[in-house]
Amino acid sequence: MDILGVCLNGVKVTHLMYRANLSYSTLRKYLFEALDKGLISNVRNSDGSVVYRTTEKGRLVLGKLKEVKSALRS
């Protein structure tokens, strides 16, 4: 859930790693899975850097996860 939330506005992998509080190896595992499932896309900027962004499908999943989390707290 953290990865999808952090990527909402686009983020580089290093920033994603720190903001999601994950090790590089753990991040890679989840990032590749999210990319494979179409929850996140990667875009190459004009400077050559790669930015990861939550897709529309990822936004829908994130919304549903927030609903479940809220329901479990009630």
N, C-alpha and C. Protein backbone atom coordinates (compact mmCIF):
# COMPACT_ATOMS: atom_id res chain seq x y z
N MET A 1 0.83 -1.19 0.00
CA MET A 1 0.00 0.00 0.00
C MET A 1 0.87 1.25 0.00
N ASP A 2 1.97 1.21 0.74
CA ASP A 2 2.87 2.36 0.79
C ASP A 2 3.45 2.68 -0.58
N ILE A 3 3.82 1.67 -1.32
CA ILE A 3 4.44 1.89 -2.64
C ILE A 3 3.45 2.59 -3.56
N LEU A 4 2.21 2.13 -3.59
CA LEU A 4 1.21 2.76 -4.45
C LEU A 4 0.97 4.20 -4.04
N GLY A 5 0.92 4.46 -2.75
CA GLY A 5 0.70 5.82 -2.25
C GLY A 5 1.85 6.75 -2.57
N VAL A 6 3.06 6.27 -2.41
CA VAL A 6 4.25 7.10 -2.67
C VAL A 6 4.37 7.43 -4.15
N CYS A 7 3.94 6.52 -5.00
CA CYS A 7 4.08 6.71 -6.45
C CYS A 7 2.96 7.53 -7.09
N LEU A 8 2.01 8.00 -6.31
CA LEU A 8 0.88 8.72 -6.88
C LEU A 8 1.30 9.88 -7.78
N ASN A 9 2.28 10.65 -7.36
CA ASN A 9 2.71 11.82 -8.14
C ASN A 9 4.00 11.59 -8.90
N GLY A 10 4.48 10.36 -8.90
CA GLY A 10 5.72 10.04 -9.59
C GLY A 10 6.92 10.21 -8.68
N VAL A 11 7.80 9.22 -8.69
CA VAL A 11 8.95 9.25 -7.79
C VAL A 11 10.07 8.39 -8.37
N LYS A 12 11.30 8.80 -8.09
CA LYS A 12 12.46 8.01 -8.50
C LYS A 12 12.64 6.87 -7.51
N VAL A 13 13.33 5.83 -7.93
CA VAL A 13 13.45 4.62 -7.13
C VAL A 13 14.09 4.86 -5.77
N THR A 14 15.08 5.72 -5.69
CA THR A 14 15.74 5.98 -4.41
C THR A 14 14.78 6.64 -3.43
N HIS A 15 14.02 7.61 -3.91
CA HIS A 15 13.04 8.29 -3.07
C HIS A 15 11.93 7.31 -2.65
N LEU A 16 11.55 6.46 -3.57
CA LEU A 16 10.53 5.45 -3.26
C LEU A 16 11.02 4.52 -2.15
N MET A 17 12.26 4.10 -2.25
CA MET A 17 12.84 3.20 -1.26
C MET A 17 12.80 3.84 0.14
N TYR A 18 13.21 5.08 0.23
CA TYR A 18 13.24 5.77 1.53
C TYR A 18 11.85 6.08 2.06
N ARG A 19 10.97 6.56 1.19
CA ARG A 19 9.62 6.94 1.64
C ARG A 19 8.78 5.72 2.03
N ALA A 20 9.01 4.59 1.35
CA ALA A 20 8.28 3.37 1.69
C ALA A 20 8.98 2.59 2.79
N ASN A 21 10.17 3.05 3.18
CA ASN A 21 10.94 2.43 4.25
C ASN A 21 11.23 0.96 3.96
N LEU A 22 11.74 0.68 2.76
CA LEU A 22 12.05 -0.68 2.34
C LEU A 22 13.51 -0.78 1.91
N SER A 23 14.10 -1.95 2.10
CA SER A 23 15.44 -2.18 1.58
C SER A 23 15.35 -2.26 0.06
N TYR A 24 16.48 -2.10 -0.60
CA TYR A 24 16.49 -2.12 -2.06
C TYR A 24 16.00 -3.47 -2.59
N SER A 25 16.45 -4.56 -2.00
CA SER A 25 16.05 -5.88 -2.48
C SER A 25 14.56 -6.13 -2.28
N THR A 26 14.02 -5.70 -1.15
CA THR A 26 12.58 -5.85 -0.89
C THR A 26 11.78 -4.97 -1.84
N LEU A 27 12.24 -3.74 -2.03
CA LEU A 27 11.56 -2.83 -2.94
C LEU A 27 11.50 -3.41 -4.35
N ARG A 28 12.62 -3.94 -4.82
CA ARG A 28 12.65 -4.52 -6.18
C ARG A 28 11.61 -5.62 -6.34
N LYS A 29 11.52 -6.47 -5.33
CA LYS A 29 10.56 -7.57 -5.36
C LYS A 29 9.14 -7.05 -5.54
N TYR A 30 8.74 -6.10 -4.71
CA TYR A 30 7.39 -5.56 -4.77
C TYR A 30 7.17 -4.65 -5.98
N LEU A 31 8.19 -3.90 -6.35
CA LEU A 31 8.08 -2.99 -7.49
C LEU A 31 7.87 -3.76 -8.78
N PHE A 32 8.64 -4.81 -9.00
CA PHE A 32 8.48 -5.61 -10.22
C PHE A 32 7.12 -6.29 -10.26
N GLU A 33 6.64 -6.73 -9.10
CA GLU A 33 5.30 -7.34 -9.04
C GLU A 33 4.23 -6.30 -9.39
N ALA A 34 4.35 -5.10 -8.85
CA ALA A 34 3.38 -4.04 -9.13
C ALA A 34 3.43 -3.62 -10.61
N LEU A 35 4.63 -3.58 -11.17
CA LEU A 35 4.77 -3.27 -12.60
C LEU A 35 4.12 -4.35 -13.44
N ASP A 36 4.36 -5.60 -13.08
CA ASP A 36 3.83 -6.74 -13.82
C ASP A 36 2.30 -6.76 -13.78
N LYS A 37 1.74 -6.36 -12.65
CA LYS A 37 0.27 -6.36 -12.48
C LYS A 37 -0.37 -5.10 -13.04
N GLY A 38 0.43 -4.15 -13.51
CA GLY A 38 -0.12 -2.92 -14.08
C GLY A 38 -0.57 -1.90 -13.05
N LEU A 39 -0.07 -2.03 -11.81
CA LEU A 39 -0.44 -1.09 -10.76
C LEU A 39 0.44 0.15 -10.77
N ILE A 40 1.63 0.01 -11.34
CA ILE A 40 2.60 1.10 -11.43
C ILE A 40 3.18 1.08 -12.84
N SER A 41 3.49 2.25 -13.36
CA SER A 41 4.19 2.34 -14.65
C SER A 41 5.49 3.08 -14.44
N ASN A 42 6.43 2.84 -15.34
CA ASN A 42 7.68 3.59 -15.27
C ASN A 42 7.82 4.45 -16.51
N VAL A 43 8.25 5.68 -16.30
CA VAL A 43 8.36 6.67 -17.36
C VAL A 43 9.77 7.24 -17.33
N ARG A 44 10.38 7.34 -18.49
CA ARG A 44 11.72 7.92 -18.58
C ARG A 44 11.59 9.42 -18.84
N ASN A 45 12.19 10.21 -17.97
CA ASN A 45 12.19 11.67 -18.12
C ASN A 45 13.16 12.10 -19.21
N SER A 46 13.09 13.36 -19.57
CA SER A 46 13.98 13.90 -20.61
C SER A 46 15.44 13.84 -20.20
N ASP A 47 15.70 13.83 -18.88
CA ASP A 47 17.09 13.75 -18.41
C ASP A 47 17.58 12.30 -18.31
N GLY A 48 16.72 11.34 -18.69
CA GLY A 48 17.11 9.93 -18.69
C GLY A 48 16.77 9.18 -17.42
N SER A 49 16.31 9.89 -16.39
CA SER A 49 15.96 9.22 -15.14
C SER A 49 14.59 8.54 -15.27
N VAL A 50 14.39 7.50 -14.50
CA VAL A 50 13.14 6.75 -14.52
C VAL A 50 12.31 7.15 -13.32
N VAL A 51 11.04 7.44 -13.57
CA VAL A 51 10.09 7.82 -12.53
C VAL A 51 8.97 6.77 -12.53
N TYR A 52 8.58 6.35 -11.34
CA TYR A 52 7.51 5.38 -11.18
C TYR A 52 6.24 6.10 -10.76
N ARG A 53 5.12 5.76 -11.44
CA ARG A 53 3.84 6.41 -11.16
C ARG A 53 2.76 5.35 -10.99
N THR A 54 1.86 5.60 -10.06
CA THR A 54 0.71 4.72 -9.86
C THR A 54 -0.24 4.89 -11.04
N THR A 55 -0.65 3.77 -11.63
CA THR A 55 -1.59 3.80 -12.75
C THR A 55 -3.02 3.96 -12.23
N GLU A 56 -3.96 4.11 -13.14
CA GLU A 56 -5.37 4.21 -12.75
C GLU A 56 -5.80 2.93 -12.02
N LYS A 57 -5.37 1.79 -12.53
CA LYS A 57 -5.67 0.52 -11.86
C LYS A 57 -5.08 0.51 -10.45
N GLY A 58 -3.87 1.01 -10.31
CA GLY A 58 -3.23 1.09 -9.00
C GLY A 58 -3.97 2.02 -8.06
N ARG A 59 -4.49 3.12 -8.60
CA ARG A 59 -5.27 4.06 -7.78
C ARG A 59 -6.55 3.39 -7.27
N LEU A 60 -7.19 2.60 -8.13
CA LEU A 60 -8.39 1.89 -7.72
C LEU A 60 -8.07 0.88 -6.61
N VAL A 61 -6.99 0.14 -6.78
CA VAL A 61 -6.57 -0.84 -5.76
C VAL A 61 -6.24 -0.13 -4.45
N LEU A 62 -5.53 0.99 -4.53
CA LEU A 62 -5.17 1.75 -3.34
C LEU A 62 -6.43 2.23 -2.61
N GLY A 63 -7.41 2.70 -3.36
CA GLY A 63 -8.67 3.13 -2.76
C GLY A 63 -9.37 2.00 -2.03
N LYS A 64 -9.40 0.82 -2.65
CA LYS A 64 -10.04 -0.34 -2.03
C LYS A 64 -9.28 -0.78 -0.78
N LEU A 65 -7.95 -0.74 -0.83
CA LEU A 65 -7.15 -1.10 0.34
C LEU A 65 -7.41 -0.14 1.50
N LYS A 66 -7.57 1.13 1.19
CA LYS A 66 -7.87 2.12 2.24
C LYS A 66 -9.23 1.86 2.85
N GLU A 67 -10.21 1.44 2.01
CA GLU A 67 -11.54 1.11 2.53
C GLU A 67 -11.47 -0.08 3.48
N VAL A 68 -10.74 -1.11 3.09
CA VAL A 68 -10.60 -2.29 3.93
C VAL A 68 -9.90 -1.93 5.24
N LYS A 69 -8.84 -1.15 5.17
CA LYS A 69 -8.13 -0.74 6.37
C LYS A 69 -9.05 0.03 7.30
N SER A 70 -9.85 0.92 6.74
CA SER A 70 -10.79 1.71 7.54
C SER A 70 -11.84 0.80 8.18
N ALA A 71 -12.34 -0.16 7.43
CA ALA A 71 -13.35 -1.07 7.96
C ALA A 71 -12.80 -1.93 9.09
N LEU A 72 -11.55 -2.31 8.99
CA LEU A 72 -10.95 -3.14 10.03
C LEU A 72 -10.69 -2.36 11.31
N ARG A 73 -10.55 -1.07 11.21
CA ARG A 73 -10.34 -0.22 12.38
C ARG A 73 -11.62 0.05 13.14
N SER A 74 -12.76 -0.08 12.46
CA SER A 74 -14.06 0.22 13.08
C SER A 74 -14.48 -0.85 14.05
